[in-house]
Amino acid sequence: MSRAELRKTIVQEITQRAGLHALFTRLCGQRATQRDVSLVSVKTEYIETVLPATSTPMREASGASPARAARWPGMPT
């Protein structure tokens, strides 16, 4: 799968799960307010951050994910 296809799949999964889209939007909205940036930019940054974790070899090569979680306090992991 290409990077664009993976990103599209992630967005579709988030949208399709009941309640998850609203939670994701609310958490990203809070983060956007804290950082004084747009909601879209926070959503995009978050998706780009978790995108490498969708590939097992990339996940294994990148090491543990707590560092990623530390960059996104309060976000579901």
Protein backbone atom coordinates (compact mmCIF):
# COMPACT_ATOMS: atom_id res chain seq x y z
CA MET A 1 0.00 0.00 0.00
CA SER A 2 1.23 3.46 -0.81
CA ARG A 3 1.50 6.16 1.83
CA ALA A 4 -1.57 7.92 0.39
CA GLU A 5 -3.59 4.68 0.49
CA LEU A 6 -2.54 4.02 4.09
CA ARG A 7 -3.48 7.57 5.08
CA LYS A 8 -6.88 7.22 3.36
CA THR A 9 -7.48 3.90 5.14
CA ILE A 10 -6.66 5.43 8.52
CA VAL A 11 -9.02 8.34 7.92
CA GLN A 12 -11.79 5.93 6.81
CA GLU A 13 -11.31 3.76 9.92
CA ILE A 14 -11.48 6.78 12.20
CA THR A 15 -14.62 8.01 10.44
CA GLN A 16 -16.39 4.63 10.40
CA ARG A 17 -16.07 3.75 14.07
CA ALA A 18 -19.02 4.95 16.15
CA GLY A 19 -17.97 7.75 18.47
CA LEU A 20 -14.29 7.52 17.61
CA HIS A 21 -14.46 10.27 15.02
CA ALA A 22 -16.09 12.64 17.52
CA LEU A 23 -13.49 11.78 20.17
CA PHE A 24 -10.62 12.20 17.71
CA THR A 25 -12.00 15.56 16.58
CA ARG A 26 -12.54 16.76 20.16
CA LEU A 27 -9.03 15.78 21.28
CA CYS A 28 -7.45 17.30 18.19
CA GLY A 29 -9.55 20.43 18.73
CA GLN A 30 -8.24 20.76 22.27
CA ARG A 31 -4.69 20.29 21.03
CA ALA A 32 -5.24 22.86 18.26
CA THR A 33 -6.54 25.39 20.79
CA GLN A 34 -3.54 24.81 23.08
CA ARG A 35 -1.12 25.30 20.20
CA ASP A 36 -3.14 28.06 18.47
CA VAL A 37 -3.19 26.19 15.14
CA SER A 38 -5.93 24.81 12.91
CA LEU A 39 -7.79 21.59 13.67
CA VAL A 40 -6.90 20.22 10.24
CA SER A 41 -3.18 20.74 10.86
CA VAL A 42 -3.35 18.84 14.17
CA LYS A 43 -5.31 15.96 12.60
CA THR A 44 -2.85 15.78 9.72
CA GLU A 45 0.15 15.86 12.06
CA TYR A 46 -1.32 13.10 14.24
CA ILE A 47 -2.10 10.85 11.26
CA GLU A 48 1.39 11.41 9.85
CA THR A 49 2.84 10.55 13.27
CA VAL A 50 1.00 7.24 13.56
CA LEU A 51 1.34 6.30 9.89
CA PRO A 52 4.73 4.56 10.32
CA ALA A 53 3.19 2.34 13.02
CA THR A 54 0.92 0.77 10.40
CA SER A 55 3.87 -1.09 8.93
CA THR A 56 5.36 -3.87 11.08
CA PRO A 57 8.92 -3.46 9.76
CA MET A 58 8.77 0.30 10.32
CA ARG A 59 7.31 -0.20 13.80
CA GLU A 60 10.04 -2.69 14.71
CA ALA A 61 12.76 -0.43 13.29
CA SER A 62 11.46 2.66 15.08
CA GLY A 63 11.66 1.14 18.55
CA ALA A 64 9.14 1.59 21.34
CA SER A 65 6.11 3.80 20.88
CA PRO A 66 6.11 5.54 24.33
CA ALA A 67 8.13 8.37 22.79
CA ARG A 68 5.36 8.90 20.26
CA ALA A 69 2.75 8.82 23.00
CA ALA A 70 4.75 11.36 25.01
CA ARG A 71 4.52 13.81 22.12
CA TRP A 72 0.72 13.43 22.18
CA PRO A 73 -0.39 13.51 25.83
CA GLY A 74 -4.06 12.72 26.21
CA MET A 75 -4.37 11.16 22.76
CA PRO A 76 -5.46 7.53 22.53
CA THR A 77 -2.67 5.13 21.58
